[in-house]
Amino acid sequence: MKRKLLILTYLLILIPTILSAQQKAEKIDDLLSRYFNYGLFNGTALVSENGNIIFEKGYGLANIEWNIPNKPDVKFRIGSITKQFTAALIMQLVEEGKIKPEGKITDYLKDYRKDTGNKVTIRELLNHTSGIKSYTNLPHMWTDSSRNHYTKKYFIKHFLSEDLEFEPGTNFAYNNTGYYLLAAIIEEVTGKSFGENLKERILIPAGMKNTGVEDEQEIPIPKKASGYLKIANQYRLDPYIYMPNAMGAGNMYSTVKDLYKWDQALYTDKILSEKSKKLMFTPGKGNYGFGWFITKVPLDNNGDSTLAIWHTGGINGFNTIIVRLVNDKSLIVLLNNTGQTKLFSMALQIAKILHNQKFEYPKKPISKELAEIIDDEGIDAAVKTYWQLKKENPDLFDFSETELNNLGYELLRENRIDDAIKIFQVNVQAFPEAFNTYDSMGEAYMKKGKKKLAIINYKKSIELNPRNTNAYKMLKKLGVEIKPPKEYKIDEKTAASYKGKYKLMPNFFMVISADGNKVFEQATGQPKFEIYPESKDKFYMKVVNAKIKFERDADGNVTGLILYQAGRIIPGKKVK
């Protein structure tokens, strides 16, 4: 009798926990279903809490041509999530004494150019402070070179050996070159391929049977999703890429369940020692460790947050994210096969559900709504509907600048230039202070053959953003030569004057810090990035199209800032 009572009591204790997990799973499904119905998510998701999977599901199609549904066992290219595996392999070799964190590139790759290779360390490759230019930023890389079947030796010599953009260790610049070089170093040190090392050292110990690399053999992979681009209401197959060109930086595939196994293995010593994991998960410049970002994720309006170790990935048709909420051993994995979407925002809302906080549903994309009207009723009806919806339903739809911009470019790709011009005109009206709207308008007028109007719009774009390099390049094609402004310098005292915490929204802050004459911003739940002065009190960002203007009182003290991003003007009062 006592035994039965004990079991009954134990079950009663478990029931509230089970119900809570079920309720959270239902909320997560409801949230992701909205994203799917709005065309903002098409893929698979897995969520665990306290180490236990509470949600696992697929949405939409893995292959549109054959109407094959996404299921949790479908394999996705994971893009830059690959970097954390490369970093782990490097740290294993460090533990074995085969690689030194302060060793130089040329210590391991003897043929690498000496003037830069003698400077850059393994540590600087791992944390994106090497200063080597990222090969994915080179002209024509994505449209041409990424498709070609290069040997490793040729690829390193011609694409990964650029001049330094800054002195190693002095700055943070996210860099795919560094991780390709790290993979090449792994191969050189071990005498085995990157894929062999990955399988033997990580995948087998972690039990990850549905993960691997796409290599030169290009063997078909069972149950692998196809990658698509989604623009407005249309899907297109994303262009081919030769995956070995992304070795170590983005050439892996996996499933949500295997990434859960990876997460669980990182809580043990199966893969790395505690000492190595501490190095890997210690944030440096840009809040980046070795293959991971380490930041706080906001949970409510009171400033509560939780530690997140995370990374996103994006490669030809695929967009992915893994978020480890290590304080309570929770995990969020989202794998999408329809190009770029708002995975970080989705993960943030799921984190709030896990912590029993209020979360937000997505807004309907206005681009999708207008695209359907354009096809059915014409461009004029779509323009009229835009202004009507913006007036009557401002909170129902996403009216951001990028929505109309993407729709306009989709129309340009279909050679519907007049329709595209009308959409870009609406965007200029809606966001008159956004430089990118004028840049897009300039391109549309160029395609239309209206040179004078193109020049006017490109000049306006430069007026709003003197650092818009594309506008200078286009104007030169149009016969107008305008020199970009020289780099503006500030002293340490001026840089220090901006330091503080600025409140932009009830639950959204921006912290400004300084290091010497360099200034950095860090928004709530995001990495820290350097901002660059174009004049005193006016700064621009390189990682996104955004500008910051600081405001001062009559005594010259900084009292606030204004953030200009995606056509929005957001003031922020200095609160600390």
Protein backbone atom coordinates (compact mmCIF):
# COMPACT_ATOMS: atom_id res chain seq x y z
CA MET A 1 0.00 0.00 0.00
CA LYS A 2 2.82 2.41 0.88
CA ARG A 3 4.53 1.60 -2.46
CA LYS A 4 1.30 2.41 -4.39
CA LEU A 5 0.89 5.65 -2.46
CA LEU A 6 4.48 6.61 -3.17
CA ILE A 7 4.03 5.98 -6.91
CA LEU A 8 0.77 7.95 -6.94
CA THR A 9 2.44 10.87 -5.16
CA TYR A 10 5.31 10.78 -7.66
CA LEU A 11 2.85 10.86 -10.57
CA LEU A 12 0.99 13.79 -9.05
CA ILE A 13 4.28 15.69 -8.83
CA LEU A 14 5.03 14.91 -12.50
CA ILE A 15 1.64 15.84 -13.93
CA PRO A 16 1.99 19.66 -13.54
CA THR A 17 5.41 19.50 -15.26
CA ILE A 18 4.03 17.40 -18.12
CA LEU A 19 1.06 19.70 -18.56
CA SER A 20 3.34 22.71 -18.55
CA ALA A 21 5.51 21.18 -21.27
CA GLN A 22 2.43 20.30 -23.31
CA GLN A 23 1.05 23.81 -22.99
CA LYS A 24 4.36 25.30 -24.06
CA ALA A 25 4.52 22.92 -27.03
CA GLU A 26 1.01 24.00 -28.08
CA LYS A 27 2.02 27.67 -27.90
CA ILE A 28 5.18 27.02 -29.90
CA ASP A 29 3.18 25.16 -32.55
CA ASP A 30 0.64 27.97 -32.71
CA LEU A 31 3.45 30.53 -33.09
CA LEU A 32 5.33 28.61 -35.80
CA SER A 33 2.09 27.83 -37.64
CA ARG A 34 1.46 31.58 -37.92
CA TYR A 35 4.95 32.09 -39.32
CA PHE A 36 4.33 29.25 -41.78
CA ASN A 37 0.89 30.55 -42.83
CA TYR A 38 2.40 34.00 -43.46
CA GLY A 39 5.13 32.51 -45.64
CA LEU A 40 7.83 33.33 -43.08
CA PHE A 41 8.91 29.80 -42.16
CA ASN A 42 9.18 26.55 -44.08
CA GLY A 43 11.22 23.88 -42.38
CA THR A 44 11.68 21.92 -39.17
CA ALA A 45 11.84 22.89 -35.51
CA LEU A 46 12.95 21.30 -32.27
CA VAL A 47 12.71 22.72 -28.75
CA SER A 48 14.01 21.10 -25.58
CA GLU A 49 13.59 22.20 -21.97
CA ASN A 50 15.85 21.04 -19.15
CA GLY A 51 17.46 18.64 -21.60
CA ASN A 52 14.17 17.01 -22.66
CA ILE A 53 12.58 17.43 -26.10
CA ILE A 54 9.15 19.03 -25.71
CA PHE A 55 8.50 19.95 -29.35
CA GLU A 56 9.58 18.57 -32.73
CA LYS A 57 7.75 19.22 -35.99
CA GLY A 58 8.06 20.00 -39.71
CA TYR A 59 6.24 22.72 -41.67
CA GLY A 60 5.72 23.03 -45.40
CA LEU A 61 7.65 21.17 -48.08
CA ALA A 62 11.17 19.78 -48.23
CA ASN A 63 10.80 19.51 -51.99
CA ILE A 64 8.21 21.64 -53.75
CA GLU A 65 8.54 19.90 -57.13
CA TRP A 66 7.62 16.50 -55.68
CA ASN A 67 5.35 17.77 -52.90
CA ILE A 68 7.48 16.08 -50.22
CA PRO A 69 6.69 17.40 -46.72
CA ASN A 70 9.20 18.63 -44.17
CA LYS A 71 9.55 16.21 -41.26
CA PRO A 72 11.91 16.25 -38.28
CA ASP A 73 14.20 13.68 -39.95
CA VAL A 74 14.74 15.80 -43.09
CA LYS A 75 18.34 16.93 -43.58
CA PHE A 76 19.11 20.62 -44.13
CA ARG A 77 22.27 22.45 -45.09
CA ILE A 78 23.15 24.27 -41.87
CA GLY A 79 25.46 26.96 -43.29
CA SER A 80 27.59 28.75 -40.72
CA ILE A 81 26.48 26.51 -37.87
CA THR A 82 29.30 24.42 -39.37
CA LYS A 83 31.79 26.81 -37.74
CA GLN A 84 31.15 25.52 -34.22
CA PHE A 85 32.11 22.01 -35.34
CA THR A 86 35.27 23.31 -36.99
CA ALA A 87 36.13 25.18 -33.80
CA ALA A 88 35.56 22.04 -31.71
CA LEU A 89 37.91 20.03 -33.95
CA ILE A 90 40.58 22.70 -33.56
CA MET A 91 40.20 22.64 -29.78
CA GLN A 92 40.53 18.85 -29.76
CA LEU A 93 43.83 19.19 -31.61
CA VAL A 94 44.87 21.89 -29.13
CA GLU A 95 44.17 19.44 -26.30
CA GLU A 96 46.34 16.87 -28.10
CA GLY A 97 49.19 19.38 -28.46
CA LYS A 98 49.04 19.29 -32.27
CA ILE A 99 47.91 22.93 -32.61
CA LYS A 100 48.69 25.99 -30.51
CA PRO A 101 46.10 28.78 -30.15
CA GLU A 102 48.87 31.36 -30.63
CA GLY A 103 50.42 29.44 -33.52
CA LYS A 104 50.45 31.26 -36.87
CA ILE A 105 48.79 30.22 -40.14
CA THR A 106 52.18 29.58 -41.71
CA ASP A 107 53.12 27.18 -38.90
CA TYR A 108 50.58 24.76 -40.40
CA LEU A 109 50.04 25.91 -44.00
CA LYS A 110 53.60 26.30 -45.28
CA ASP A 111 52.60 27.67 -48.70
CA TYR A 112 50.41 30.46 -47.33
CA ARG A 113 51.64 34.02 -48.02
CA LYS A 114 54.22 34.85 -45.37
CA ASP A 115 53.61 38.58 -44.81
CA THR A 116 50.09 37.99 -43.47
CA GLY A 117 50.33 34.31 -42.50
CA ASN A 118 53.19 35.05 -40.11
CA LYS A 119 50.96 37.53 -38.26
CA VAL A 120 47.59 35.81 -37.91
CA THR A 121 47.07 33.28 -35.10
CA ILE A 122 44.74 30.30 -34.82
CA ARG A 123 42.90 32.15 -32.04
CA GLU A 124 42.29 35.12 -34.36
CA LEU A 125 40.89 32.83 -37.04
CA LEU A 126 38.55 31.28 -34.48
CA ASN A 127 37.17 34.56 -33.12
CA HIS A 128 37.00 36.55 -36.37
CA THR A 129 39.73 39.05 -35.48
CA SER A 130 42.26 37.97 -38.15
CA GLY A 131 41.80 41.01 -40.40
CA ILE A 132 41.86 38.80 -43.52
CA LYS A 133 39.15 39.76 -45.98
CA SER A 134 36.25 37.29 -46.09
CA TYR A 135 36.15 35.56 -49.47
CA THR A 136 32.35 35.71 -49.52
CA ASN A 137 32.66 39.50 -49.79
CA LEU A 138 34.74 39.32 -52.97
CA PRO A 139 33.11 40.51 -56.23
CA HIS A 140 31.22 37.80 -58.14
CA MET A 141 31.89 35.14 -55.49
CA TRP A 142 28.23 34.19 -55.05
CA THR A 143 27.16 34.63 -58.67
CA ASP A 144 30.12 32.93 -60.31
CA SER A 145 33.11 31.65 -58.34
CA SER A 146 31.14 29.70 -55.74
CA ARG A 147 29.87 27.39 -58.49
CA ASN A 148 33.31 26.43 -59.81
CA HIS A 149 35.04 23.21 -58.79
CA TYR A 150 38.30 24.46 -57.31
CA THR A 151 41.02 22.46 -55.61
CA LYS A 152 41.82 23.42 -52.02
CA LYS A 153 45.29 24.69 -53.01
CA TYR A 154 43.93 26.89 -55.78
CA PHE A 155 41.07 28.18 -53.63
CA ILE A 156 43.38 29.23 -50.78
CA LYS A 157 45.83 30.96 -53.11
CA HIS A 158 43.27 32.87 -55.18
CA PHE A 159 40.45 33.57 -52.71
CA LEU A 160 41.76 33.26 -49.16
CA SER A 161 45.03 35.19 -49.37
CA GLU A 162 43.83 38.79 -49.55
CA ASP A 163 45.57 41.73 -47.88
CA LEU A 164 44.69 42.45 -44.26
CA GLU A 165 41.81 44.88 -43.70
CA PHE A 166 43.08 45.65 -40.18
CA GLU A 167 45.85 44.53 -37.86
CA PRO A 168 45.12 41.06 -36.43
CA GLY A 169 43.45 41.12 -33.02
CA THR A 170 42.43 44.79 -33.14
CA ASN A 171 38.90 44.42 -34.53
CA PHE A 172 36.03 41.99 -35.09
CA ALA A 173 34.80 41.25 -38.60
CA TYR A 174 32.76 38.09 -39.25
CA ASN A 175 34.82 36.07 -41.66
CA ASN A 176 34.29 32.89 -43.69
CA THR A 177 37.89 32.83 -44.89
CA GLY A 178 39.16 32.12 -41.38
CA TYR A 179 37.08 28.97 -40.99
CA TYR A 180 38.02 27.55 -44.40
CA LEU A 181 41.67 28.03 -43.38
CA LEU A 182 40.98 26.33 -40.03
CA ALA A 183 39.50 23.33 -41.87
CA ALA A 184 42.55 23.21 -44.15
CA ILE A 185 44.80 23.30 -41.07
CA ILE A 186 42.85 20.40 -39.53
CA GLU A 187 43.45 18.38 -42.70
CA GLU A 188 47.13 19.29 -42.81
CA VAL A 189 47.76 18.42 -39.14
CA THR A 190 45.83 15.12 -39.14
CA GLY A 191 46.43 13.88 -42.68
CA LYS A 192 42.70 13.20 -42.96
CA SER A 193 39.88 15.09 -44.66
CA PHE A 194 37.71 17.54 -42.78
CA GLY A 195 34.77 15.15 -43.20
CA GLU A 196 36.71 12.17 -41.82
CA ASN A 197 37.82 14.19 -38.80
CA LEU A 198 34.28 15.38 -38.21
CA LYS A 199 32.85 11.88 -38.35
CA GLU A 200 35.47 10.21 -36.17
CA ARG A 201 35.96 12.94 -33.60
CA ILE A 202 32.43 14.38 -33.18
CA LEU A 203 29.61 12.67 -35.05
CA ILE A 204 30.23 9.10 -33.87
CA PRO A 205 30.88 10.03 -30.21
CA ALA A 206 27.77 12.24 -30.18
CA GLY A 207 25.60 9.65 -31.96
CA MET A 208 24.88 12.02 -34.87
CA LYS A 209 24.05 9.57 -37.68
CA ASN A 210 22.24 12.07 -39.92
CA THR A 211 24.95 14.73 -40.11
CA GLY A 212 27.90 15.12 -42.46
CA VAL A 213 29.62 17.23 -45.08
CA GLU A 214 28.88 17.62 -48.77
CA ASP A 215 32.23 16.88 -50.39
CA GLU A 216 33.82 16.54 -53.82
CA GLN A 217 32.06 13.26 -54.54
CA GLU A 218 28.64 14.93 -54.35
CA ILE A 219 26.95 11.66 -53.42
CA PRO A 220 23.13 12.05 -53.15
CA ILE A 221 22.05 12.45 -49.54
CA PRO A 222 18.80 10.66 -48.58
CA LYS A 223 16.00 12.82 -47.19
CA LYS A 224 17.82 16.12 -47.88
CA ALA A 225 15.68 19.21 -48.39
CA SER A 226 15.99 21.34 -51.51
CA GLY A 227 16.85 25.02 -51.10
CA TYR A 228 14.58 27.77 -52.42
CA LEU A 229 14.37 31.53 -52.50
CA LYS A 230 11.04 33.02 -51.47
CA ILE A 231 10.33 36.52 -52.71
CA ALA A 232 6.86 37.96 -52.25
CA ASN A 233 4.58 35.01 -53.07
CA GLN A 234 6.88 33.06 -55.36
CA TYR A 235 9.45 30.30 -54.81
CA ARG A 236 12.55 29.80 -56.95
CA LEU A 237 15.28 27.20 -56.79
CA ASP A 238 18.37 28.84 -55.34
CA PRO A 239 21.48 28.79 -57.56
CA TYR A 240 23.91 25.90 -57.42
CA ILE A 241 26.96 26.14 -55.14
CA TYR A 242 29.94 23.77 -55.05
CA MET A 243 29.83 22.90 -51.37
CA PRO A 244 33.57 22.16 -50.84
CA ASN A 245 34.11 25.88 -51.49
CA ALA A 246 32.49 26.39 -48.06
CA MET A 247 34.66 23.82 -46.25
CA GLY A 248 34.75 24.39 -42.50
CA ALA A 249 32.66 27.54 -42.83
CA GLY A 250 29.34 26.19 -44.13
CA ASN A 251 29.52 22.81 -45.89
CA MET A 252 27.63 20.63 -43.38
CA TYR A 253 24.10 19.23 -43.30
CA SER A 254 22.14 17.97 -40.30
CA THR A 255 18.71 17.43 -38.74
CA VAL A 256 17.06 19.09 -35.76
CA LYS A 257 17.38 15.86 -33.75
CA ASP A 258 21.10 15.52 -34.49
CA LEU A 259 21.70 19.13 -33.45
CA TYR A 260 19.92 18.28 -30.19
CA LYS A 261 22.39 15.42 -29.73
CA TRP A 262 25.22 17.89 -30.39
CA ASP A 263 23.82 20.23 -27.75
CA GLN A 264 23.57 17.41 -25.20
CA ALA A 265 27.11 16.21 -25.94
CA LEU A 266 28.44 19.68 -25.14
CA TYR A 267 27.24 19.27 -21.55
CA THR A 268 29.56 16.26 -21.22
CA ASP A 269 33.25 15.59 -21.84
CA LYS A 270 32.58 13.37 -24.89
CA ILE A 271 33.76 16.08 -27.28
CA LEU A 272 35.77 18.64 -25.30
CA SER A 273 37.22 19.16 -21.85
CA GLU A 274 35.76 21.77 -19.51
CA LYS A 275 38.85 23.92 -20.09
CA SER A 276 38.34 23.91 -23.87
CA LYS A 277 34.61 24.61 -23.55
CA LYS A 278 35.33 27.56 -21.28
CA LEU A 279 37.59 29.03 -23.98
CA MET A 280 35.03 28.31 -26.69
CA PHE A 281 32.15 29.93 -24.79
CA THR A 282 33.99 33.02 -23.50
CA PRO A 283 32.85 36.07 -25.51
CA GLY A 284 35.51 38.27 -27.07
CA LYS A 285 35.15 41.13 -29.51
CA GLY A 286 31.73 41.15 -31.14
CA ASN A 287 30.49 38.85 -28.34
CA TYR A 288 31.99 35.97 -30.29
CA GLY A 289 33.77 32.99 -28.78
CA PHE A 290 35.05 30.15 -30.94
CA GLY A 291 32.27 29.31 -33.41
CA TRP A 292 29.51 30.76 -31.21
CA PHE A 293 27.97 34.10 -30.29
CA ILE A 294 27.47 34.53 -26.54
CA THR A 295 24.84 37.12 -25.54
CA LYS A 296 21.97 37.78 -23.16
CA VAL A 297 18.46 37.26 -24.54
CA PRO A 298 15.76 39.64 -23.19
CA LEU A 299 12.70 37.93 -21.74
CA ASP A 300 10.44 40.74 -20.50
CA ASN A 301 10.06 44.50 -20.09
CA ASN A 302 11.73 44.51 -16.69
CA GLY A 303 15.20 43.77 -17.97
CA ASP A 304 15.16 40.04 -17.18
CA SER A 305 17.31 38.01 -19.55
CA THR A 306 18.99 34.65 -19.92
CA LEU A 307 22.35 33.60 -21.33
CA ALA A 308 22.24 32.36 -24.92
CA ILE A 309 25.00 30.61 -26.85
CA TRP A 310 23.92 30.67 -30.46
CA HIS A 311 24.71 30.85 -34.14
CA THR A 312 22.84 31.35 -37.38
CA GLY A 313 23.56 29.91 -40.80
CA GLY A 314 22.69 30.90 -44.33
CA ILE A 315 23.68 29.26 -47.60
CA ASN A 316 21.92 29.11 -50.99
CA GLY A 317 18.27 28.55 -50.10
CA PHE A 318 18.82 27.62 -46.44
CA ASN A 319 18.57 29.70 -43.27
CA THR A 320 19.22 28.12 -39.86
CA ILE A 321 19.66 28.90 -36.17
CA ILE A 322 20.69 27.02 -33.03
CA VAL A 323 20.18 28.67 -29.62
CA ARG A 324 21.43 27.05 -26.41
CA LEU A 325 19.84 28.53 -23.28
CA VAL A 326 22.42 27.04 -20.99
CA ASN A 327 21.12 28.33 -17.65
CA ASP A 328 18.28 25.81 -17.82
CA LYS A 329 19.69 23.45 -20.48
CA SER A 330 17.06 24.42 -23.05
CA LEU A 331 17.56 24.41 -26.82
CA ILE A 332 15.90 25.97 -29.87
CA VAL A 333 16.73 24.72 -33.38
CA LEU A 334 15.05 26.11 -36.50
CA LEU A 335 16.00 24.92 -39.99
CA ASN A 336 14.41 26.73 -42.95
CA ASN A 337 14.73 25.91 -46.68
CA THR A 338 13.20 29.00 -48.29
CA GLY A 339 16.03 31.51 -47.90
CA GLN A 340 16.37 34.37 -45.44
CA THR A 341 13.71 34.84 -42.80
CA LYS A 342 13.35 36.06 -39.21
CA LEU A 343 14.71 33.07 -37.33
CA PHE A 344 16.30 35.06 -34.50
CA SER A 345 12.97 36.80 -33.82
CA MET A 346 11.22 33.42 -33.89
CA ALA A 347 13.75 31.93 -31.47
CA LEU A 348 13.35 34.91 -29.14
CA GLN A 349 9.58 34.40 -28.95
CA ILE A 350 10.08 30.68 -28.27
CA ALA A 351 12.52 31.55 -25.48
CA LYS A 352 9.84 33.75 -23.94
CA ILE A 353 7.34 30.87 -24.11
CA LEU A 354 9.83 28.58 -22.37
CA HIS A 355 10.19 31.12 -19.57
CA ASN A 356 6.43 31.74 -19.25
CA GLN A 357 6.71 35.30 -20.54
CA LYS A 358 4.45 37.25 -22.88
CA PHE A 359 5.39 36.68 -26.52
CA GLU A 360 4.44 38.30 -29.83
CA TYR A 361 2.95 36.80 -32.98
CA PRO A 362 4.38 37.82 -36.38
CA LYS A 363 2.76 40.38 -38.62
CA LYS A 364 1.52 39.53 -42.10
CA PRO A 365 4.06 40.50 -44.82
CA ILE A 366 2.57 43.34 -46.85
CA SER A 367 4.68 42.22 -49.84
CA LYS A 368 2.78 38.94 -50.06
CA GLU A 369 -0.58 40.72 -49.85
CA LEU A 370 0.35 43.23 -52.55
CA ALA A 371 1.90 40.62 -54.86
CA GLU A 372 -1.40 38.75 -54.98
CA ILE A 373 -3.33 41.97 -55.71
CA ILE A 374 -0.87 42.92 -58.47
CA ASP A 375 -1.43 39.54 -60.15
CA ASP A 376 -5.22 39.70 -59.79
CA GLU A 377 -6.11 43.40 -60.10
CA GLY A 378 -3.02 45.30 -61.26
CA ILE A 379 -0.42 47.64 -59.79
CA ASP A 380 -2.72 50.63 -59.21
CA ALA A 381 -5.08 48.55 -57.07
CA ALA A 382 -2.10 47.30 -55.07
CA VAL A 383 -0.80 50.83 -54.42
CA LYS A 384 -4.26 51.96 -53.32
CA THR A 385 -4.58 48.93 -51.02
CA TYR A 386 -1.19 49.63 -49.44
CA TRP A 387 -2.14 53.11 -48.25
CA GLN A 388 -5.58 51.93 -47.17
CA LEU A 389 -4.20 49.03 -45.11
CA LYS A 390 -1.49 51.18 -43.59
CA LYS A 391 -4.16 53.62 -42.38
CA GLU A 392 -6.74 51.08 -41.24
CA ASN A 393 -4.57 48.12 -40.08
CA PRO A 394 -1.15 49.48 -39.10
CA ASP A 395 -0.52 46.69 -36.58
CA LEU A 396 -1.74 43.76 -38.65
CA PHE A 397 0.82 43.93 -41.47
CA ASP A 398 4.60 44.33 -41.65
CA PHE A 399 5.02 47.69 -43.38
CA SER A 400 8.83 47.78 -43.09
CA GLU A 401 10.96 49.28 -45.83
CA THR A 402 12.42 45.90 -46.81
CA GLU A 403 8.96 44.49 -47.58
CA LEU A 404 8.33 46.89 -50.47
CA ASN A 405 11.96 46.78 -51.53
CA ASN A 406 11.87 43.00 -51.94
CA LEU A 407 8.60 43.19 -53.86
CA GLY A 408 10.04 45.85 -56.17
CA TYR A 409 13.06 43.71 -56.96
CA GLU A 410 10.88 40.69 -57.65
CA LEU A 411 9.02 42.77 -60.22
CA LEU A 412 12.34 43.90 -61.72
CA ARG A 413 13.46 40.28 -62.07
CA GLU A 414 10.24 39.60 -63.99
CA ASN A 415 11.04 42.63 -66.20
CA ARG A 416 7.90 44.40 -64.99
CA ILE A 417 9.87 47.63 -64.69
CA ASP A 418 6.92 50.07 -64.63
CA ASP A 419 5.26 48.12 -61.83
CA ALA A 420 8.55 48.03 -59.91
CA ILE A 421 8.97 51.80 -60.25
CA LYS A 422 5.51 52.37 -58.77
CA ILE A 423 6.33 50.12 -55.80
CA PHE A 424 9.66 51.90 -55.22
CA GLN A 425 7.83 55.25 -55.43
CA VAL A 426 5.52 54.12 -52.63
CA ASN A 427 8.57 53.10 -50.59
CA VAL A 428 10.17 56.52 -51.07
CA GLN A 429 6.96 58.18 -49.93
CA ALA A 430 6.66 55.90 -46.91
CA PHE A 431 10.37 56.16 -45.93
CA PRO A 432 11.71 59.50 -47.22
CA GLU A 433 14.76 59.36 -44.90
CA ALA A 434 15.91 55.87 -45.95
CA PHE A 435 18.83 55.94 -48.39
CA ASN A 436 18.16 52.44 -49.75
CA THR A 437 14.74 53.37 -51.13
CA TYR A 438 16.36 55.95 -53.43
CA ASP A 439 19.12 53.51 -54.36
CA SER A 440 16.51 50.96 -55.48
CA MET A 441 14.59 53.64 -57.36
CA GLY A 442 17.80 54.62 -59.13
CA GLU A 443 18.33 51.05 -60.29
CA ALA A 444 14.77 50.80 -61.61
CA TYR A 445 15.15 54.02 -63.59
CA MET A 446 18.48 52.76 -64.98
CA LYS A 447 16.74 49.64 -66.29
CA LYS A 448 13.99 51.82 -67.73
CA GLY A 449 16.59 53.94 -69.54
CA LYS A 450 15.71 57.13 -67.66
CA LYS A 451 19.26 58.27 -66.94
CA LYS A 452 18.46 61.70 -65.41
CA LEU A 453 15.98 60.26 -62.92
CA ALA A 454 18.42 57.49 -62.00
CA ILE A 455 21.14 60.06 -61.29
CA ILE A 456 18.80 62.16 -59.15
CA ASN A 457 17.85 59.17 -56.99
CA TYR A 458 21.41 57.87 -56.59
CA LYS A 459 22.56 61.35 -55.54
CA LYS A 460 19.73 61.53 -53.01
CA SER A 461 20.78 58.13 -51.64
CA ILE A 462 24.35 59.41 -51.15
CA GLU A 463 23.04 62.56 -49.49
CA LEU A 464 21.28 60.38 -46.91
CA ASN A 465 24.16 57.90 -46.62
CA PRO A 466 27.57 59.12 -47.85
CA ARG A 467 28.89 55.57 -47.32
CA ASN A 468 26.58 53.92 -49.84
CA THR A 469 29.30 52.48 -52.09
CA ASN A 470 26.80 51.02 -54.57
CA ALA A 471 25.45 54.49 -55.42
CA TYR A 472 28.95 55.79 -56.24
CA LYS A 473 29.54 52.78 -58.48
CA MET A 474 26.22 53.22 -60.30
CA LEU A 475 26.74 56.94 -60.76
CA LYS A 476 30.12 56.25 -62.33
CA LYS A 477 28.39 53.93 -64.82
CA LEU A 478 26.01 56.79 -65.55
CA GLY A 479 28.93 59.15 -66.23
CA VAL A 480 28.87 61.00 -62.91
CA GLU A 481 32.04 60.85 -60.81
CA ILE A 482 31.59 61.62 -57.10
CA LYS A 483 34.35 60.83 -54.63
CA PRO A 484 33.33 59.10 -51.38
CA PRO A 485 34.14 61.08 -48.21
CA LYS A 486 37.37 60.40 -46.36
CA GLU A 487 37.29 58.49 -43.10
CA TYR A 488 36.40 60.82 -40.22
CA LYS A 489 38.43 60.51 -37.03
CA ILE A 490 37.44 61.30 -33.44
CA ASP A 491 39.63 61.47 -30.34
CA GLU A 492 39.33 59.35 -27.19
CA LYS A 493 37.56 62.09 -25.22
CA THR A 494 34.85 62.46 -27.86
CA ALA A 495 34.43 58.67 -28.08
CA ALA A 496 34.03 58.44 -24.30
CA SER A 497 31.32 61.14 -24.34
CA TYR A 498 28.90 58.75 -26.10
CA LYS A 499 29.17 55.98 -23.49
CA GLY A 500 25.90 55.04 -21.79
CA LYS A 501 22.62 53.13 -21.95
CA TYR A 502 19.87 54.45 -24.22
CA LYS A 503 16.22 53.40 -24.08
CA LEU A 504 14.68 53.05 -27.55
CA MET A 505 11.57 51.08 -26.58
CA PRO A 506 10.03 49.74 -23.33
CA ASN A 507 12.06 46.52 -23.57
CA PHE A 508 14.78 47.55 -26.00
CA PHE A 509 18.01 49.33 -25.07
CA MET A 510 21.23 50.24 -26.83
CA VAL A 511 24.47 50.30 -24.86
CA ILE A 512 27.24 52.49 -26.27
CA SER A 513 30.82 51.75 -25.21
CA ALA A 514 34.23 53.04 -26.24
CA ASP A 515 37.73 51.63 -26.51
CA GLY A 516 40.21 54.38 -27.21
CA ASN A 517 38.83 56.34 -30.14
CA LYS A 518 36.60 53.46 -31.28
CA VAL A 519 32.88 53.40 -30.47
CA PHE A 520 30.66 50.32 -30.18
CA GLU A 521 26.93 49.66 -29.91
CA GLN A 522 25.12 46.67 -28.50
CA ALA A 523 21.34 46.40 -28.76
CA THR A 524 19.31 44.22 -26.42
CA GLY A 525 19.87 40.55 -27.20
CA GLN A 526 22.32 41.27 -30.02
CA PRO A 527 26.11 41.13 -30.50
CA LYS A 528 28.34 44.16 -30.00
CA PHE A 529 29.43 45.96 -33.19
CA GLU A 530 31.70 48.86 -33.94
CA ILE A 531 30.07 52.01 -35.32
CA TYR A 532 31.99 54.42 -37.52
CA PRO A 533 31.94 58.25 -37.44
CA GLU A 534 31.09 60.17 -40.57
CA SER A 535 31.16 63.43 -38.57
CA LYS A 536 31.03 64.39 -34.92
CA ASP A 537 27.90 62.81 -33.37
CA LYS A 538 26.92 61.02 -36.61
CA PHE A 539 27.84 57.35 -37.02
CA TYR A 540 27.08 54.58 -39.48
CA MET A 541 27.15 50.78 -39.19
CA LYS A 542 28.74 48.29 -41.56
CA VAL A 543 26.91 45.14 -40.48
CA VAL A 544 23.47 46.58 -41.29
CA ASN A 545 22.13 49.61 -43.12
CA ALA A 546 21.72 51.84 -40.08
CA LYS A 547 22.90 55.20 -38.77
CA ILE A 548 23.08 56.72 -35.30
CA LYS A 549 23.00 60.40 -34.44
CA PHE A 550 23.84 61.53 -30.90
CA GLU A 551 22.08 64.54 -29.38
CA ARG A 552 23.64 67.00 -26.92
CA ASP A 553 22.25 69.63 -24.55
CA ALA A 554 23.32 73.28 -24.37
CA ASP A 555 26.34 72.30 -22.25
CA GLY A 556 27.53 69.76 -24.80
CA ASN A 557 26.54 66.66 -22.82
CA VAL A 558 25.11 63.71 -24.76
CA THR A 559 21.47 63.25 -23.73
CA GLY A 560 20.16 60.81 -26.30
CA LEU A 561 20.49 59.29 -29.73
CA ILE A 562 18.41 58.70 -32.83
CA LEU A 563 18.58 55.37 -34.66
CA TYR A 564 17.85 55.44 -38.39
CA GLN A 565 17.21 51.93 -39.72
CA ALA A 566 14.98 50.40 -42.40
CA GLY A 567 13.22 53.72 -42.87
CA ARG A 568 12.38 54.02 -39.19
CA ILE A 569 13.44 56.92 -36.98
CA ILE A 570 13.74 55.74 -33.37
CA PRO A 571 14.79 58.20 -30.64
CA GLY A 572 16.52 56.87 -27.55
CA LYS A 573 16.87 58.75 -24.28
CA LYS A 574 20.06 58.26 -22.29
CA VAL A 575 19.03 56.53 -19.05
CA LYS A 576 22.41 55.56 -17.59
